[in-house]
Protein backbone atom coordinates (compact mmCIF):
# COMPACT_ATOMS: atom_id res chain seq x y z
CA MET A 1 -29.71 -1.79 2.48
CA LYS A 2 -27.86 0.96 4.36
CA SER A 3 -25.15 2.86 2.52
CA ILE A 4 -21.91 4.44 3.81
CA LEU A 5 -19.86 7.01 1.91
CA ILE A 6 -16.06 7.00 2.28
CA VAL A 7 -14.05 9.94 0.88
CA HIS A 8 -10.32 9.18 0.66
CA GLN A 9 -8.13 11.10 -1.78
CA GLY A 10 -4.78 9.63 -0.71
CA ALA A 11 -2.38 7.52 -2.74
CA ILE A 12 -2.61 3.74 -2.74
CA GLY A 13 -0.21 3.32 0.17
CA ASP A 14 -2.17 5.85 2.21
CA PHE A 15 -5.41 4.04 1.42
CA ILE A 16 -3.95 0.68 2.51
CA LEU A 17 -2.89 2.30 5.81
CA SER A 18 -6.53 3.37 6.20
CA LEU A 19 -7.96 -0.10 5.50
CA PRO A 20 -8.03 -1.05 9.23
CA ALA A 21 -10.27 1.97 9.83
CA VAL A 22 -12.44 0.99 6.85
CA GLU A 23 -12.72 -2.55 8.25
CA ALA A 24 -13.71 -1.16 11.66
CA ILE A 25 -16.45 0.95 10.03
CA HIS A 26 -17.60 -2.16 8.15
CA ARG A 27 -17.87 -4.15 11.38
CA PHE A 28 -19.95 -1.37 12.94
CA TYR A 29 -22.25 -1.08 9.90
CA LEU A 30 -22.14 -4.78 9.12
CA GLU A 31 -24.99 -4.87 6.60
CA ALA A 32 -24.13 -1.62 4.82
CA HIS A 33 -22.69 -1.16 1.36
CA PHE A 34 -19.83 1.30 0.93
CA THR A 35 -19.47 3.84 -1.85
CA PHE A 36 -16.02 5.41 -2.20
CA ILE A 37 -14.79 8.68 -3.66
CA ALA A 38 -11.15 7.68 -3.99
CA HIS A 39 -8.37 6.57 -6.32
CA PRO A 40 -10.04 4.22 -8.83
CA ALA A 41 -7.27 1.61 -8.50
CA ILE A 42 -8.56 0.66 -5.05
CA VAL A 43 -11.28 -1.32 -6.85
CA GLU A 44 -8.69 -3.96 -7.69
CA ILE A 45 -7.81 -4.74 -4.08
CA ILE A 46 -11.15 -4.51 -2.26
CA GLN A 47 -13.74 -5.50 -4.86
CA ARG A 48 -14.44 -8.86 -3.17
CA ARG A 49 -15.01 -7.39 0.30
CA PRO A 50 -18.68 -7.74 1.33
CA TYR A 51 -19.08 -4.01 1.95
CA PHE A 52 -17.84 -2.90 -1.48
CA LYS A 53 -20.34 -1.31 -3.87
CA ARG A 54 -18.52 1.14 -6.14
CA VAL A 55 -15.73 3.72 -6.46
CA PHE A 56 -15.99 7.16 -7.97
CA ASP A 57 -12.71 8.71 -9.18
CA CYS A 58 -11.74 11.41 -6.67
CA SER A 59 -9.88 13.34 -9.40
CA ASP A 60 -13.01 13.82 -11.49
CA ARG A 61 -13.96 17.49 -11.79
CA CYS A 62 -17.56 16.68 -10.93
CA TRP A 63 -16.55 16.72 -7.25
CA VAL A 64 -15.21 20.28 -7.27
CA SER A 65 -18.40 21.61 -5.67
CA LEU A 66 -17.68 19.49 -2.57
CA TYR A 67 -15.11 22.18 -1.72
CA SER A 68 -17.59 25.04 -2.09
CA SER A 69 -17.63 27.37 0.89
CA GLU A 70 -21.20 28.27 -0.07
CA GLY A 71 -22.37 24.71 0.50
CA LYS A 72 -23.98 24.38 -2.91
CA LEU A 73 -23.38 21.00 -4.54
CA ALA A 74 -23.53 20.55 -8.30
CA GLY A 75 -26.48 18.68 -9.74
CA VAL A 76 -24.22 15.84 -10.84
CA VAL A 77 -23.31 15.18 -7.20
CA HIS A 78 -27.00 14.82 -6.36
CA ASP A 79 -27.39 12.40 -9.28
CA LEU A 80 -24.35 10.22 -8.50
CA LEU A 81 -24.43 9.86 -4.74
CA PRO A 82 -27.07 7.71 -3.10
CA HIS A 83 -28.59 8.62 0.22
CA VAL A 84 -26.19 7.41 2.88
CA GLU A 85 -26.44 6.51 6.56
CA SER A 86 -23.16 8.21 7.38
CA THR A 87 -20.11 9.75 5.71
CA PHE A 88 -16.42 9.45 6.62
CA VAL A 89 -13.93 11.87 5.08
CA PHE A 90 -10.25 10.98 5.48
CA GLY A 91 -8.47 14.29 5.13
CA ARG A 92 -6.60 17.19 6.69
CA PRO A 93 -8.49 20.15 8.23
CA ALA A 94 -8.99 21.70 4.79
CA SER A 95 -11.24 18.70 4.01
CA GLN A 96 -13.70 19.67 6.76
CA VAL A 97 -15.67 21.64 4.18
CA ILE A 98 -16.28 18.36 2.30
CA ALA A 99 -17.69 16.75 5.43
CA ASP A 100 -19.84 19.81 6.17
CA ASN A 101 -21.24 19.96 2.65
CA LEU A 102 -22.07 16.26 2.60
CA ALA A 103 -23.67 16.47 6.03
CA ASN A 104 -25.88 19.31 4.82
CA HIS A 105 -26.66 17.42 1.61
CA PHE A 106 -27.71 14.16 3.29
CA GLY A 107 -29.03 15.67 6.51
CA ASN A 108 -27.05 13.30 8.71
CA SER A 109 -23.61 12.82 10.20
CA ALA A 110 -20.38 13.30 8.25
CA HIS A 111 -17.14 12.72 10.13
CA ARG A 112 -13.67 13.92 9.17
CA LEU A 113 -10.83 11.61 10.20
CA ASP A 114 -7.42 13.26 10.31
CA PRO A 115 -5.27 10.83 8.28
CA PHE A 116 -1.78 11.35 9.66
CA PRO A 117 -0.56 11.80 13.25
CA GLU A 118 1.93 14.41 14.33
CA PRO A 119 5.42 12.85 14.71
CA ASP A 120 5.61 13.50 18.45
CA LEU A 121 2.59 11.24 19.05
CA CYS A 122 4.62 8.18 17.98
CA LEU A 123 1.45 6.52 16.69
CA GLY A 124 1.05 4.46 13.56
CA VAL A 125 -1.37 5.80 10.98
CA ASP A 126 -3.78 2.90 11.47
CA ASP A 127 -3.79 3.29 15.25
CA TYR A 128 -4.25 7.06 14.98
CA GLN A 129 -7.25 6.76 12.67
CA CYS A 130 -8.86 3.97 14.66
CA ARG A 131 -8.56 5.96 17.89
CA GLN A 132 -10.59 8.70 16.22
CA LEU A 133 -13.27 6.14 15.37
CA GLU A 134 -13.35 5.07 19.01
CA LYS A 135 -14.21 8.65 19.96
CA LEU A 136 -17.18 8.38 17.58
CA GLY A 137 -18.38 5.25 19.36
CA ILE A 138 -17.10 2.83 16.72
CA PRO A 139 -15.06 -0.04 18.24
CA ALA A 140 -11.70 0.05 16.49
CA THR A 141 -8.88 -0.76 18.92
CA PRO A 142 -6.77 -2.64 18.46
CA PRO A 143 -6.99 -1.80 14.74
CA PRO A 144 -8.42 -4.64 12.63
CA ASP A 145 -6.20 -6.21 10.00
CA ALA A 146 -6.23 -4.70 6.53
CA ILE A 147 -7.85 -7.21 4.17
CA ILE A 148 -6.89 -7.30 0.50
CA ALA A 149 -9.39 -9.04 -1.76
CA PRO A 150 -8.52 -9.02 -5.49
CA ALA A 151 -10.69 -10.68 -8.12
CA HIS A 152 -10.68 -14.44 -8.70
CA GLN A 153 -9.48 -13.81 -12.26
CA ASP A 154 -6.30 -12.22 -10.89
CA PHE A 155 -5.45 -15.45 -9.07
CA LEU A 156 -6.04 -17.49 -12.21
CA GLU A 157 -3.70 -15.28 -14.23
CA VAL A 158 -1.02 -15.46 -11.54
CA ARG A 159 -1.27 -19.24 -11.39
CA ASP A 160 -0.61 -19.38 -15.12
CA PHE A 161 2.27 -16.89 -14.80
CA LEU A 162 3.95 -18.91 -12.07
CA SER A 163 3.55 -22.19 -13.93
CA ARG A 164 5.47 -20.66 -16.85
CA ASN A 165 8.24 -19.10 -14.77
CA LEU A 166 8.87 -21.36 -11.78
CA GLY A 167 10.05 -24.91 -11.54
CA SER A 168 9.06 -27.53 -9.02
CA GLY A 169 10.37 -26.53 -5.59
CA ASP A 170 11.34 -22.98 -6.58
CA ARG A 171 11.03 -20.28 -3.91
CA LEU A 172 9.80 -16.92 -5.18
CA VAL A 173 11.34 -13.73 -3.77
CA LEU A 174 9.78 -10.45 -4.92
CA LEU A 175 12.06 -7.42 -5.13
CA HIS A 176 10.75 -3.86 -5.37
CA PRO A 177 13.68 -1.43 -5.38
CA GLY A 178 11.56 1.58 -6.34
CA SER A 179 9.51 4.13 -4.42
CA GLY A 180 7.63 7.35 -5.05
CA GLY A 181 10.46 9.41 -3.54
CA LYS A 182 14.17 9.13 -4.31
CA GLN A 183 15.04 9.82 -0.70
CA LYS A 184 13.34 6.52 0.23
CA LEU A 185 15.47 4.33 -2.05
CA TRP A 186 17.95 1.90 -0.56
CA THR A 187 21.36 1.60 -2.22
CA VAL A 188 22.00 -0.47 -5.33
CA ALA A 189 24.98 -1.94 -3.48
CA GLY A 190 22.66 -3.13 -0.73
CA TRP A 191 20.29 -4.82 -3.17
CA LEU A 192 23.14 -6.53 -5.01
CA SER A 193 24.66 -7.80 -1.77
CA VAL A 194 21.39 -9.36 -0.63
CA ILE A 195 20.64 -10.88 -4.03
CA ASN A 196 24.12 -12.34 -4.34
CA LYS A 197 23.93 -14.02 -0.96
CA LEU A 198 20.40 -15.35 -1.28
CA SER A 199 21.07 -16.70 -4.77
CA ALA A 200 23.67 -19.04 -3.30
CA HIS A 201 20.77 -21.13 -2.04
CA PRO A 202 19.20 -23.55 -4.57
CA ASN A 203 15.74 -22.91 -5.97
CA ILE A 204 15.64 -19.19 -5.12
CA ARG A 205 14.03 -17.24 -7.97
CA PHE A 206 13.77 -13.46 -8.00
CA ALA A 207 11.01 -11.38 -9.55
CA LEU A 208 11.82 -7.71 -10.13
CA LEU A 209 8.80 -5.44 -9.70
CA GLN A 210 8.58 -2.21 -11.64
CA GLY A 211 5.86 0.41 -11.56
CA PRO A 212 5.45 3.61 -13.60
CA ALA A 213 7.74 5.60 -11.25
CA ASP A 214 10.44 2.93 -10.91
CA ALA A 215 12.00 2.75 -14.37
CA GLY A 216 15.29 4.47 -13.51
CA ILE A 217 16.30 2.46 -10.46
CA VAL A 218 14.96 -0.83 -11.85
CA GLN A 219 16.82 -0.48 -15.14
CA HIS A 220 20.02 0.40 -13.31
CA LEU A 221 19.68 -2.61 -11.02
CA ARG A 222 18.60 -4.96 -13.82
CA SER A 223 21.83 -4.23 -15.67
CA GLN A 224 23.67 -5.76 -12.73
CA LEU A 225 21.35 -8.75 -12.35
CA ALA A 226 21.64 -10.48 -15.72
CA PRO A 227 23.37 -13.57 -14.22
CA PHE A 228 20.38 -14.13 -11.93
CA SER A 229 17.73 -13.97 -14.70
CA PRO A 230 15.14 -12.10 -12.59
CA ILE A 231 11.54 -12.51 -13.70
CA PRO A 232 10.24 -9.10 -14.90
CA VAL A 233 6.95 -7.92 -13.43
CA GLU A 234 6.29 -4.56 -15.06
CA ASN A 235 3.35 -2.22 -14.51
CA TRP A 236 0.95 -4.87 -13.27
CA GLN A 237 -2.45 -3.77 -12.04
CA LEU A 238 -2.76 -3.81 -8.26
CA GLY A 239 -5.17 -6.72 -8.09
CA LYS A 240 -2.97 -9.04 -10.11
CA LEU A 241 0.09 -7.86 -8.17
CA ALA A 242 -1.68 -8.61 -4.89
CA ALA A 243 -2.51 -12.10 -6.13
CA LEU A 244 1.16 -12.64 -6.99
CA MET A 245 2.23 -11.40 -3.57
CA SER A 246 -0.09 -13.87 -1.87
CA LYS A 247 1.79 -16.70 -3.59
CA ALA A 248 5.33 -15.39 -2.94
CA ASP A 249 7.68 -16.75 -0.30
CA LEU A 250 9.20 -13.35 0.50
CA TYR A 251 8.95 -9.68 -0.45
CA LEU A 252 11.71 -7.06 -0.09
CA GLY A 253 10.94 -3.42 -0.74
CA ASN A 254 11.43 0.22 0.20
CA ASP A 255 8.97 2.51 1.95
CA SER A 256 6.26 2.53 -0.73
CA GLY A 257 2.62 1.77 -1.39
CA ILE A 258 3.62 -1.55 -2.93
CA THR A 259 5.37 -2.59 0.29
CA HIS A 260 2.19 -1.77 2.21
CA LEU A 261 0.29 -3.93 -0.27
CA ALA A 262 2.64 -6.89 0.27
CA ALA A 263 2.31 -6.62 4.04
CA ALA A 264 -1.48 -6.43 3.87
CA CYS A 265 -1.51 -9.52 1.63
CA GLY A 266 0.12 -11.47 4.45
CA THR A 267 3.32 -12.03 2.45
CA PRO A 268 6.49 -12.34 4.56
CA THR A 269 7.75 -8.78 4.09
CA ILE A 270 11.02 -6.99 4.75
CA ALA A 271 10.42 -3.24 4.56
CA LEU A 272 13.49 -1.03 4.14
CA PHE A 273 13.07 2.38 5.78
CA GLY A 274 15.46 5.31 5.58
CA PRO A 275 14.43 8.89 6.41
CA THR A 276 10.76 8.19 7.24
CA ASP A 277 9.71 6.94 10.66
CA PRO A 278 8.40 3.36 10.47
CA ARG A 279 6.59 3.82 13.80
CA VAL A 280 4.25 6.15 11.93
CA TRP A 281 4.49 5.04 8.30
CA GLY A 282 5.56 1.43 8.59
CA PRO A 283 3.46 -1.36 7.05
CA HIS A 284 1.45 -3.65 9.26
CA GLY A 285 0.71 -7.30 8.78
CA PRO A 286 1.13 -10.70 10.36
CA GLN A 287 4.60 -11.23 8.84
CA VAL A 288 6.44 -7.91 8.62
CA SER A 289 10.04 -7.03 9.49
CA ILE A 290 11.23 -3.43 9.25
CA ILE A 291 14.92 -2.66 8.81
CA ARG A 292 16.28 0.86 8.84
CA TRP A 293 19.12 2.02 6.65
CA GLN A 294 21.44 4.93 7.22
CA PRO A 295 20.24 8.19 5.62
CA TRP A 296 23.56 8.82 3.90
CA SER A 297 23.11 5.71 1.72
CA LEU A 298 21.17 7.51 -1.00
CA VAL A 299 20.76 5.38 -4.07
CA HIS A 300 20.01 8.23 -6.46
CA GLU A 301 23.52 9.59 -5.92
CA GLN A 302 24.92 6.23 -6.96
CA ALA A 303 22.56 5.89 -9.89
CA GLU A 304 23.54 9.28 -11.26
CA SER A 305 27.25 8.56 -10.98
CA LYS A 306 26.85 4.93 -12.15
CA LYS A 307 29.05 3.80 -9.27
CA ILE A 308 28.57 0.77 -7.07
CA SER A 309 29.94 1.27 -3.56
CA GLU A 310 30.53 -1.19 -0.77
CA PRO A 311 27.29 -2.72 0.55
CA PRO A 312 25.87 -0.84 3.54
CA LEU A 313 26.12 -2.36 7.00
CA GLU A 314 22.43 -3.18 7.19
CA ALA A 315 22.68 -5.50 4.14
CA GLU A 316 23.83 -8.37 6.35
CA LEU A 317 20.85 -7.82 8.64
CA VAL A 318 18.52 -7.91 5.64
CA CYS A 319 20.10 -11.20 4.52
CA LYS A 320 19.75 -12.67 7.99
CA LYS A 321 16.09 -11.76 8.21
CA ALA A 322 15.43 -13.05 4.67
CA ARG A 323 16.99 -16.40 5.56
CA GLU A 324 14.77 -16.57 8.64
CA TRP A 325 11.63 -15.98 6.62
CA LEU A 326 12.71 -18.45 3.93
CA GLN A 327 14.00 -20.95 6.53
CA ILE A 328 17.22 -21.50 4.63
């Protein structure tokens, strides 16, 4: 069985944006197994893909020698890595040394894929990466869909969760007001406006998603949402969260890795983008709508002052798009 090595040290959202390129490589090396040096959490969302073999934690110090300018790899690298047919390193120019060292180690090709396009190219990340694969002779345009494949056990746990929290005929709307950067957060006033209007329709149930970096904004919003009894979903592992997303009727979220996950799961997704360019960083999927909000609507300023302002103008557009997805 042939083996492919993928080195990807990006965050979860970055990895999901690279999944189309990974799928293209899989189609080219259809019978190969893939070993990853990456964020260990990716196991939870790709472990059922036919190419998946294992993931090594990219933050482990055993990989430090991959950066050696002398080209000498530590013995542990020799022990851990199998012989591979080819290597793909997703990384900026500084990562070329990793590709060079692995090429010397295995005696075959190691390709570096630049992960992010320059803004003036106006290319999405997936398109940019797949065009680089095309130059290597790997068919990749148009980019394949990202495929999320959590474990069967995750679906069983989600089925039990939903049976305990939803009634017959309930429609589940997932809300993720957090993000890794404060500048990417939509206003509390906007969230409250959308929730108020959607809740006027019968059988709409909200689930409020919270990850490790979201506590501040989620707690602030939750204090305003008591009348709606949102279902708390706190610090779920990615696989279980992906299984929940696949069963949801709608997802609303900021520019974040979790929004990319929802889109890749095929969930009807409304992605709220502020300062970042969705042409480059926007999520892709069969059912994705991207709505931009004005950069002066910074939620962290509201959160710090504990003030709720008038809902921003784009809130009505978000409501309209949500009603279209929900067909209400």
